[in-house]
């Protein structure tokens, strides 16, 4: 019984004295173990301790996105992350995915284009851009981007090309 009380006291003191990095590390541990709700809680605490932590905003957005959370909140977090780290091509791509999920295809295309501008070798973003163009009935552009995605090593779009591209 005494051991449990000491352990609880120790954990309470540890959490109360946590810095933003400590919360971030705890959140990352939870995310790596698939406990995204708990990860979001600790990423939020990390942000409260360090409101300019681009990685904490990115990771909270990614965790929310992984559990199909509120895409509006996902977009807010990626936007905040990009405010502090404007060269993060994955944040642009992932924000584009969230925008597509809520029907903002044109805005998603802008994000995908920005991601490509930063890193033109990222195959997945071309696949996503192709999907966005397909939703906009721009089949030629869709096919161009799917082909570029394959050229960069992403074979996952081959069936789309076979089905939609002549």
N, C-alpha and C. Protein backbone atom coordinates (compact mmCIF):
# COMPACT_ATOMS: atom_id res chain seq x y z
N UNK A 1 0.83 -1.19 0.00
CA UNK A 1 0.00 0.00 0.00
C UNK A 1 0.87 1.25 0.00
N UNK A 2 1.90 1.25 0.84
CA UNK A 2 2.80 2.40 0.93
C UNK A 2 3.53 2.60 -0.40
N UNK A 3 3.91 1.50 -1.05
CA UNK A 3 4.59 1.60 -2.34
C UNK A 3 3.70 2.27 -3.39
N UNK A 4 2.42 1.91 -3.39
CA UNK A 4 1.49 2.52 -4.34
C UNK A 4 1.36 4.01 -4.09
N UNK A 5 1.27 4.40 -2.83
CA UNK A 5 1.17 5.83 -2.50
C UNK A 5 2.42 6.58 -2.93
N UNK A 6 3.57 5.99 -2.68
CA UNK A 6 4.83 6.63 -3.08
C UNK A 6 4.89 6.75 -4.61
N UNK A 7 4.49 5.70 -5.30
CA UNK A 7 4.49 5.72 -6.77
C UNK A 7 3.54 6.79 -7.30
N UNK A 8 2.36 6.87 -6.73
CA UNK A 8 1.38 7.88 -7.15
C UNK A 8 1.91 9.28 -6.87
N UNK A 9 2.52 9.47 -5.71
CA UNK A 9 3.09 10.77 -5.36
C UNK A 9 4.20 11.14 -6.33
N UNK A 10 5.07 10.19 -6.65
CA UNK A 10 6.17 10.43 -7.57
C UNK A 10 5.64 10.82 -8.95
N UNK A 11 4.68 10.08 -9.44
CA UNK A 11 4.10 10.37 -10.75
C UNK A 11 3.44 11.74 -10.75
N UNK A 12 2.73 12.07 -9.68
CA UNK A 12 2.07 13.38 -9.58
C UNK A 12 3.08 14.51 -9.60
N UNK A 13 4.16 14.35 -8.86
CA UNK A 13 5.21 15.39 -8.82
C UNK A 13 5.87 15.50 -10.19
N UNK A 14 6.14 14.36 -10.82
CA UNK A 14 6.76 14.36 -12.14
C UNK A 14 5.90 15.11 -13.15
N UNK A 15 4.63 14.79 -13.18
CA UNK A 15 3.73 15.42 -14.15
C UNK A 15 3.59 16.91 -13.86
N UNK A 16 3.51 17.28 -12.60
CA UNK A 16 3.36 18.70 -12.23
C UNK A 16 4.59 19.51 -12.63
N UNK A 17 5.75 18.88 -12.64
CA UNK A 17 6.98 19.61 -12.95
C UNK A 17 7.41 19.45 -14.40
N UNK A 18 6.59 18.86 -15.23
CA UNK A 18 6.95 18.60 -16.63
C UNK A 18 7.14 19.88 -17.41
N UNK A 19 8.15 19.86 -18.27
CA UNK A 19 8.36 20.92 -19.25
C UNK A 19 7.63 20.49 -20.52
N UNK A 20 7.57 21.39 -21.46
CA UNK A 20 6.92 21.07 -22.73
C UNK A 20 7.52 19.85 -23.40
N UNK A 21 8.87 19.75 -23.37
CA UNK A 21 9.54 18.59 -23.97
C UNK A 21 9.14 17.29 -23.30
N UNK A 22 8.97 17.34 -21.98
CA UNK A 22 8.55 16.13 -21.26
C UNK A 22 7.17 15.68 -21.73
N UNK A 23 6.25 16.63 -21.82
CA UNK A 23 4.90 16.30 -22.29
C UNK A 23 4.95 15.77 -23.72
N UNK A 24 5.78 16.40 -24.54
CA UNK A 24 5.91 15.97 -25.93
C UNK A 24 6.41 14.52 -25.98
N UNK A 25 7.41 14.21 -25.17
CA UNK A 25 7.95 12.85 -25.15
C UNK A 25 6.92 11.83 -24.67
N UNK A 26 6.15 12.19 -23.67
CA UNK A 26 5.08 11.30 -23.18
C UNK A 26 4.04 11.10 -24.28
N UNK A 27 3.68 12.19 -24.95
CA UNK A 27 2.70 12.12 -26.04
C UNK A 27 3.20 11.22 -27.16
N UNK A 28 4.46 11.37 -27.51
CA UNK A 28 5.05 10.55 -28.57
C UNK A 28 5.02 9.07 -28.21
N UNK A 29 5.30 8.78 -26.95
CA UNK A 29 5.23 7.40 -26.47
C UNK A 29 3.82 6.84 -26.68
N UNK A 30 2.81 7.62 -26.28
CA UNK A 30 1.43 7.15 -26.44
C UNK A 30 1.07 6.99 -27.92
N UNK A 31 1.49 7.93 -28.76
CA UNK A 31 1.19 7.84 -30.19
C UNK A 31 1.83 6.60 -30.81
N UNK A 32 3.08 6.33 -30.46
CA UNK A 32 3.77 5.15 -31.00
C UNK A 32 3.10 3.86 -30.57
N UNK A 33 2.41 3.90 -29.45
CA UNK A 33 1.71 2.71 -28.96
C UNK A 33 0.24 2.69 -29.37
N UNK A 34 -0.15 3.60 -30.25
CA UNK A 34 -1.50 3.60 -30.79
C UNK A 34 -2.56 4.21 -29.90
N UNK A 35 -2.15 4.83 -28.80
CA UNK A 35 -3.11 5.47 -27.89
C UNK A 35 -3.18 6.95 -28.25
N UNK A 36 -3.85 7.24 -29.37
CA UNK A 36 -3.86 8.59 -29.91
C UNK A 36 -4.64 9.58 -29.06
N UNK A 37 -5.70 9.14 -28.41
CA UNK A 37 -6.45 10.05 -27.54
C UNK A 37 -5.55 10.58 -26.42
N UNK A 38 -4.79 9.68 -25.81
CA UNK A 38 -3.87 10.07 -24.73
C UNK A 38 -2.75 10.94 -25.31
N UNK A 39 -2.28 10.59 -26.49
CA UNK A 39 -1.24 11.39 -27.14
C UNK A 39 -1.73 12.82 -27.37
N UNK A 40 -2.96 12.97 -27.84
CA UNK A 40 -3.52 14.30 -28.08
C UNK A 40 -3.55 15.10 -26.79
N UNK A 41 -3.94 14.45 -25.71
CA UNK A 41 -3.97 15.11 -24.40
C UNK A 41 -2.59 15.66 -24.03
N UNK A 42 -1.55 14.86 -24.23
CA UNK A 42 -0.20 15.30 -23.86
C UNK A 42 0.40 16.26 -24.87
N UNK A 43 0.07 16.13 -26.15
CA UNK A 43 0.52 17.14 -27.11
C UNK A 43 -0.10 18.49 -26.76
N UNK A 44 -1.34 18.48 -26.30
CA UNK A 44 -2.00 19.72 -25.88
C UNK A 44 -1.26 20.33 -24.70
N UNK A 45 -0.86 19.52 -23.74
CA UNK A 45 -0.09 20.03 -22.60
C UNK A 45 1.26 20.57 -23.05
N UNK A 46 1.90 19.90 -24.00
CA UNK A 46 3.18 20.38 -24.53
C UNK A 46 3.00 21.75 -25.18
N UNK A 47 1.91 21.92 -25.91
CA UNK A 47 1.63 23.20 -26.57
C UNK A 47 1.35 24.29 -25.53
N UNK A 48 0.64 23.94 -24.47
CA UNK A 48 0.39 24.92 -23.40
C UNK A 48 1.70 25.40 -22.79
N UNK A 49 2.68 24.51 -22.65
CA UNK A 49 3.99 24.87 -22.08
C UNK A 49 4.85 25.61 -23.09
N UNK A 50 4.71 25.27 -24.37
CA UNK A 50 5.52 25.90 -25.41
C UNK A 50 4.63 26.14 -26.64
N UNK A 51 3.93 27.28 -26.66
CA UNK A 51 2.97 27.54 -27.74
C UNK A 51 3.58 27.76 -29.13
N UNK A 52 4.90 27.73 -29.24
CA UNK A 52 5.55 27.89 -30.54
C UNK A 52 6.20 26.59 -31.02
N UNK A 53 5.78 25.49 -30.46
CA UNK A 53 6.35 24.18 -30.80
C UNK A 53 5.66 23.60 -32.04
N UNK A 54 6.26 23.84 -33.19
CA UNK A 54 5.69 23.38 -34.46
C UNK A 54 5.46 21.88 -34.46
N UNK A 55 6.41 21.14 -33.91
CA UNK A 55 6.31 19.67 -33.93
C UNK A 55 5.15 19.17 -33.08
N UNK A 56 4.86 19.85 -31.98
CA UNK A 56 3.73 19.45 -31.13
C UNK A 56 2.41 19.68 -31.85
N UNK A 57 2.29 20.82 -32.55
CA UNK A 57 1.07 21.07 -33.33
C UNK A 57 0.93 20.03 -34.44
N UNK A 58 2.04 19.77 -35.14
CA UNK A 58 2.01 18.78 -36.22
C UNK A 58 1.58 17.41 -35.68
N UNK A 59 2.20 17.00 -34.59
CA UNK A 59 1.93 15.67 -34.04
C UNK A 59 0.51 15.55 -33.50
N UNK A 60 0.00 16.63 -32.91
CA UNK A 60 -1.39 16.59 -32.45
C UNK A 60 -2.34 16.48 -33.64
N UNK A 61 -2.06 17.24 -34.70
CA UNK A 61 -2.88 17.15 -35.91
C UNK A 61 -2.83 15.75 -36.49
N UNK A 62 -1.63 15.20 -36.58
CA UNK A 62 -1.46 13.86 -37.15
C UNK A 62 -2.19 12.81 -36.30
N UNK A 63 -2.11 12.95 -34.99
CA UNK A 63 -2.81 12.01 -34.10
C UNK A 63 -4.32 12.11 -34.30
N UNK A 64 -4.83 13.34 -34.40
CA UNK A 64 -6.27 13.52 -34.65
C UNK A 64 -6.66 12.92 -35.99
N UNK A 65 -5.83 13.16 -36.98
CA UNK A 65 -6.12 12.66 -38.32
C UNK A 65 -6.12 11.12 -38.33
N UNK A 66 -5.23 10.53 -37.58
CA UNK A 66 -5.12 9.07 -37.54
C UNK A 66 -6.38 8.42 -36.99
N UNK A 67 -7.04 9.08 -36.04
CA UNK A 67 -8.27 8.52 -35.46
C UNK A 67 -9.52 9.13 -36.10
N UNK A 68 -9.33 9.74 -37.28
CA UNK A 68 -10.44 10.37 -37.99
C UNK A 68 -11.15 11.40 -37.12
N UNK A 69 -10.33 12.22 -36.49
CA UNK A 69 -10.87 13.27 -35.63
C UNK A 69 -11.43 14.43 -36.44
N UNK A 70 -11.78 15.48 -35.75
CA UNK A 70 -12.37 16.68 -36.33
C UNK A 70 -11.39 17.31 -37.32
N UNK A 71 -11.71 17.25 -38.61
CA UNK A 71 -10.80 17.76 -39.63
C UNK A 71 -10.59 19.27 -39.54
N UNK A 72 -11.56 19.99 -39.03
CA UNK A 72 -11.36 21.44 -38.83
C UNK A 72 -10.24 21.68 -37.82
N UNK A 73 -10.23 20.90 -36.72
CA UNK A 73 -9.15 21.02 -35.73
C UNK A 73 -7.82 20.55 -36.30
N UNK A 74 -7.86 19.52 -37.11
CA UNK A 74 -6.64 19.03 -37.78
C UNK A 74 -6.05 20.16 -38.63
N UNK A 75 -6.89 20.83 -39.39
CA UNK A 75 -6.44 21.92 -40.25
C UNK A 75 -5.86 23.06 -39.42
N UNK A 76 -6.51 23.40 -38.32
CA UNK A 76 -6.01 24.46 -37.44
C UNK A 76 -4.62 24.11 -36.93
N UNK A 77 -4.43 22.87 -36.49
CA UNK A 77 -3.13 22.48 -35.96
C UNK A 77 -2.04 22.45 -37.03
N UNK A 78 -2.35 21.93 -38.21
CA UNK A 78 -1.33 21.95 -39.27
C UNK A 78 -1.00 23.39 -39.67
N UNK A 79 -2.00 24.25 -39.70
CA UNK A 79 -1.77 25.65 -40.03
C UNK A 79 -0.85 26.30 -39.00
N UNK A 80 -1.10 26.02 -37.73
CA UNK A 80 -0.25 26.56 -36.66
C UNK A 80 1.17 26.00 -36.78
N UNK A 81 1.28 24.73 -37.06
CA UNK A 81 2.60 24.11 -37.24
C UNK A 81 3.36 24.80 -38.38
N UNK A 82 2.66 25.07 -39.47
CA UNK A 82 3.29 25.71 -40.62
C UNK A 82 3.67 27.16 -40.34
N UNK A 83 2.96 27.79 -39.42
CA UNK A 83 3.32 29.15 -39.01
C UNK A 83 4.74 29.17 -38.44
N UNK A 84 5.10 28.13 -37.71
CA UNK A 84 6.41 28.06 -37.07
C UNK A 84 7.43 27.28 -37.88
N UNK A 85 6.97 26.48 -38.83
CA UNK A 85 7.87 25.69 -39.68
C UNK A 85 7.30 25.66 -41.10
N UNK A 86 7.46 26.76 -41.83
CA UNK A 86 6.82 26.89 -43.15
C UNK A 86 7.41 26.00 -44.24
N UNK A 87 8.46 25.27 -43.96
CA UNK A 87 9.09 24.39 -44.95
C UNK A 87 8.73 22.92 -44.75
N UNK A 88 7.72 22.65 -43.95
CA UNK A 88 7.33 21.26 -43.66
C UNK A 88 6.38 20.76 -44.74
N UNK A 89 6.94 20.09 -45.73
CA UNK A 89 6.13 19.62 -46.86
C UNK A 89 5.07 18.61 -46.44
N UNK A 90 5.35 17.80 -45.42
CA UNK A 90 4.35 16.82 -44.98
C UNK A 90 3.16 17.50 -44.30
N UNK A 91 3.40 18.59 -43.60
CA UNK A 91 2.29 19.32 -42.98
C UNK A 91 1.36 19.88 -44.06
N UNK A 92 1.94 20.40 -45.14
CA UNK A 92 1.09 20.88 -46.25
C UNK A 92 0.30 19.73 -46.85
N UNK A 93 0.97 18.60 -47.08
CA UNK A 93 0.27 17.47 -47.68
C UNK A 93 -0.85 16.97 -46.76
N UNK A 94 -0.54 16.79 -45.49
CA UNK A 94 -1.55 16.27 -44.56
C UNK A 94 -2.70 17.25 -44.36
N UNK A 95 -2.39 18.54 -44.38
CA UNK A 95 -3.47 19.53 -44.29
C UNK A 95 -4.35 19.43 -45.53
N UNK A 96 -3.73 19.18 -46.67
CA UNK A 96 -4.50 18.97 -47.90
C UNK A 96 -5.44 17.78 -47.79
N UNK A 97 -4.97 16.71 -47.18
CA UNK A 97 -5.82 15.53 -46.98
C UNK A 97 -7.04 15.90 -46.12
N UNK A 98 -6.80 16.66 -45.05
CA UNK A 98 -7.90 17.08 -44.17
C UNK A 98 -8.87 17.99 -44.92
N UNK A 99 -8.35 18.86 -45.76
CA UNK A 99 -9.22 19.74 -46.53
C UNK A 99 -10.06 18.95 -47.53
N UNK A 100 -9.46 17.95 -48.15
CA UNK A 100 -10.24 17.10 -49.07
C UNK A 100 -11.35 16.39 -48.34
N UNK A 101 -11.08 15.97 -47.11
CA UNK A 101 -12.08 15.23 -46.32
C UNK A 101 -13.32 16.07 -46.03
N UNK A 102 -13.17 17.39 -46.03
CA UNK A 102 -14.33 18.26 -45.78
C UNK A 102 -14.79 18.97 -47.05
N UNK A 103 -14.34 18.47 -48.19
CA UNK A 103 -14.83 18.98 -49.47
C UNK A 103 -14.15 20.23 -49.99
N UNK A 104 -13.03 20.63 -49.41
CA UNK A 104 -12.31 21.82 -49.87
C UNK A 104 -11.20 21.40 -50.84
N UNK A 105 -11.62 20.84 -51.96
CA UNK A 105 -10.67 20.25 -52.91
C UNK A 105 -9.72 21.28 -53.50
N UNK A 106 -10.21 22.45 -53.85
CA UNK A 106 -9.34 23.48 -54.43
C UNK A 106 -8.26 23.92 -53.45
N UNK A 107 -8.64 24.06 -52.18
CA UNK A 107 -7.65 24.41 -51.16
C UNK A 107 -6.66 23.27 -50.94
N UNK A 108 -7.15 22.05 -51.04
CA UNK A 108 -6.26 20.89 -50.91
C UNK A 108 -5.22 20.90 -52.03
N UNK A 109 -5.66 21.20 -53.24
CA UNK A 109 -4.73 21.27 -54.38
C UNK A 109 -3.64 22.29 -54.11
N UNK A 110 -4.01 23.44 -53.56
CA UNK A 110 -3.02 24.47 -53.22
C UNK A 110 -1.99 23.93 -52.23
N UNK A 111 -2.47 23.21 -51.22
CA UNK A 111 -1.55 22.64 -50.23
C UNK A 111 -0.64 21.59 -50.86
N UNK A 112 -1.19 20.74 -51.71
CA UNK A 112 -0.37 19.73 -52.37
C UNK A 112 0.70 20.39 -53.25
N UNK A 113 0.32 21.45 -53.95
CA UNK A 113 1.28 22.16 -54.81
C UNK A 113 2.40 22.78 -53.97
N UNK A 114 2.04 23.32 -52.82
CA UNK A 114 3.06 23.90 -51.93
C UNK A 114 3.99 22.81 -51.41
N UNK A 115 3.44 21.66 -51.08
CA UNK A 115 4.26 20.53 -50.64
C UNK A 115 5.25 20.12 -51.72
N UNK A 116 4.79 20.07 -52.96
CA UNK A 116 5.65 19.71 -54.09
C UNK A 116 6.72 20.77 -54.31
N UNK A 117 6.35 22.02 -54.15
CA UNK A 117 7.32 23.12 -54.29
C UNK A 117 8.48 22.93 -53.30
N UNK A 118 8.16 22.49 -52.09
CA UNK A 118 9.18 22.30 -51.06
C UNK A 118 9.96 21.01 -51.29
N UNK A 119 9.25 19.93 -51.64
CA UNK A 119 9.91 18.64 -51.86
C UNK A 119 9.31 17.95 -53.08
N UNK A 120 9.88 18.18 -54.25
CA UNK A 120 9.32 17.62 -55.48
C UNK A 120 9.55 16.11 -55.65
N UNK A 121 10.18 15.47 -54.70
CA UNK A 121 10.47 14.04 -54.80
C UNK A 121 9.56 13.18 -53.92
N UNK A 122 8.52 13.75 -53.36
CA UNK A 122 7.65 13.05 -52.41
C UNK A 122 6.49 12.42 -53.18
N UNK A 123 6.58 11.12 -53.42
CA UNK A 123 5.64 10.44 -54.32
C UNK A 123 4.19 10.49 -53.85
N UNK A 124 3.96 10.41 -52.56
CA UNK A 124 2.59 10.33 -52.05
C UNK A 124 1.79 11.60 -52.36
N UNK A 125 2.45 12.74 -52.32
CA UNK A 125 1.72 13.98 -52.56
C UNK A 125 1.21 14.04 -54.00
N UNK A 126 1.94 13.46 -54.94
CA UNK A 126 1.47 13.41 -56.33
C UNK A 126 0.22 12.53 -56.44
N UNK A 127 0.20 11.43 -55.70
CA UNK A 127 -0.98 10.57 -55.69
C UNK A 127 -2.18 11.33 -55.15
N UNK A 128 -1.98 12.06 -54.06
CA UNK A 128 -3.07 12.84 -53.47
C UNK A 128 -3.52 13.96 -54.40
N UNK A 129 -2.55 14.61 -55.04
CA UNK A 129 -2.89 15.67 -55.99
C UNK A 129 -3.70 15.09 -57.16
N UNK A 130 -3.30 13.92 -57.63
CA UNK A 130 -4.06 13.25 -58.68
C UNK A 130 -5.49 12.96 -58.24
N UNK A 131 -5.64 12.50 -57.01
CA UNK A 131 -6.99 12.23 -56.48
C UNK A 131 -7.83 13.50 -56.44
N UNK A 132 -7.21 14.60 -56.04
CA UNK A 132 -7.94 15.88 -55.96
C UNK A 132 -8.37 16.33 -57.35
N UNK A 133 -7.47 16.21 -58.32
CA UNK A 133 -7.83 16.58 -59.69
C UNK A 133 -8.95 15.68 -60.22
N UNK A 134 -8.91 14.41 -59.88
CA UNK A 134 -9.98 13.49 -60.31
C UNK A 134 -11.32 13.94 -59.74
N UNK A 135 -11.33 14.34 -58.47
CA UNK A 135 -12.57 14.84 -57.85
C UNK A 135 -13.07 16.10 -58.54
N UNK A 136 -12.15 16.89 -59.09
CA UNK A 136 -12.51 18.11 -59.82
C UNK A 136 -12.77 17.84 -61.30
N UNK A 137 -12.84 16.56 -61.69
CA UNK A 137 -13.09 16.15 -63.07
C UNK A 137 -12.01 16.64 -64.03
N UNK A 138 -10.80 16.77 -63.51
CA UNK A 138 -9.64 17.15 -64.33
C UNK A 138 -8.80 15.89 -64.54
N UNK A 139 -9.32 15.00 -65.38
CA UNK A 139 -8.72 13.67 -65.54
C UNK A 139 -7.30 13.70 -66.08
N UNK A 140 -7.02 14.59 -67.01
CA UNK A 140 -5.67 14.65 -67.58
C UNK A 140 -4.64 15.01 -66.50
N UNK A 141 -4.97 16.00 -65.68
CA UNK A 141 -4.06 16.38 -64.59
C UNK A 141 -3.96 15.27 -63.55
N UNK A 142 -5.07 14.59 -63.32
CA UNK A 142 -5.05 13.46 -62.37
C UNK A 142 -4.07 12.41 -62.86
N UNK A 143 -4.18 12.05 -64.12
CA UNK A 143 -3.31 11.01 -64.69
C UNK A 143 -1.84 11.43 -64.67
N UNK A 144 -1.57 12.68 -64.99
CA UNK A 144 -0.18 13.18 -64.96
C UNK A 144 0.42 13.00 -63.57
N UNK A 145 -0.34 13.34 -62.56
CA UNK A 145 0.18 13.27 -61.20
C UNK A 145 0.29 11.84 -60.69
N UNK A 146 -0.65 10.99 -61.06
CA UNK A 146 -0.53 9.58 -60.67
C UNK A 146 0.70 8.95 -61.33
N UNK A 147 0.94 9.29 -62.60
CA UNK A 147 2.12 8.77 -63.29
C UNK A 147 3.40 9.26 -62.63
N UNK A 148 3.41 10.52 -62.23
CA UNK A 148 4.59 11.06 -61.53
C UNK A 148 4.79 10.33 -60.20
N UNK A 149 3.71 10.01 -59.52
CA UNK A 149 3.79 9.28 -58.26
C UNK A 149 4.44 7.91 -58.47
N UNK A 150 4.03 7.22 -59.54
CA UNK A 150 4.64 5.92 -59.86
C UNK A 150 6.11 6.09 -60.22
N UNK A 151 6.39 7.10 -61.02
CA UNK A 151 7.78 7.39 -61.42
C UNK A 151 8.68 7.55 -60.19
N UNK A 152 8.11 8.10 -59.11
CA UNK A 152 8.88 8.32 -57.88
C UNK A 152 8.82 7.12 -56.93
N UNK A 153 8.17 6.03 -57.38
CA UNK A 153 8.22 4.81 -56.59
C UNK A 153 6.96 4.38 -55.89
N UNK A 154 5.85 5.09 -56.07
CA UNK A 154 4.60 4.73 -55.40
C UNK A 154 3.74 3.90 -56.35
N UNK A 155 3.77 2.60 -56.18
CA UNK A 155 3.01 1.68 -57.04
C UNK A 155 1.53 1.62 -56.67
N UNK A 156 1.15 2.20 -55.56
CA UNK A 156 -0.24 2.11 -55.08
C UNK A 156 -1.26 2.76 -56.01
N UNK A 157 -0.82 3.60 -56.92
CA UNK A 157 -1.76 4.29 -57.81
C UNK A 157 -1.91 3.61 -59.17
N UNK A 158 -1.21 2.52 -59.37
CA UNK A 158 -1.23 1.86 -60.68
C UNK A 158 -2.65 1.50 -61.14
N UNK A 159 -3.48 1.01 -60.24
CA UNK A 159 -4.86 0.62 -60.61
C UNK A 159 -5.68 1.83 -61.05
N UNK A 160 -5.42 2.99 -60.43
CA UNK A 160 -6.13 4.20 -60.85
C UNK A 160 -5.75 4.57 -62.28
N UNK A 161 -4.46 4.44 -62.57
CA UNK A 161 -4.00 4.75 -63.92
C UNK A 161 -4.63 3.79 -64.92
N UNK A 162 -4.64 2.51 -64.60
CA UNK A 162 -5.22 1.51 -65.50
C UNK A 162 -6.71 1.77 -65.72
N UNK A 163 -7.38 2.25 -64.69
CA UNK A 163 -8.82 2.46 -64.79
C UNK A 163 -9.20 3.78 -65.47
N UNK A 164 -8.47 4.85 -65.16
CA UNK A 164 -8.90 6.18 -65.60
C UNK A 164 -8.03 6.81 -66.69
N UNK A 165 -6.84 6.29 -66.91
CA UNK A 165 -5.92 6.94 -67.84
C UNK A 165 -5.72 6.07 -69.08
N UNK A 166 -5.91 6.64 -70.22
CA UNK A 166 -5.76 5.89 -71.49
C UNK A 166 -4.48 6.26 -72.16
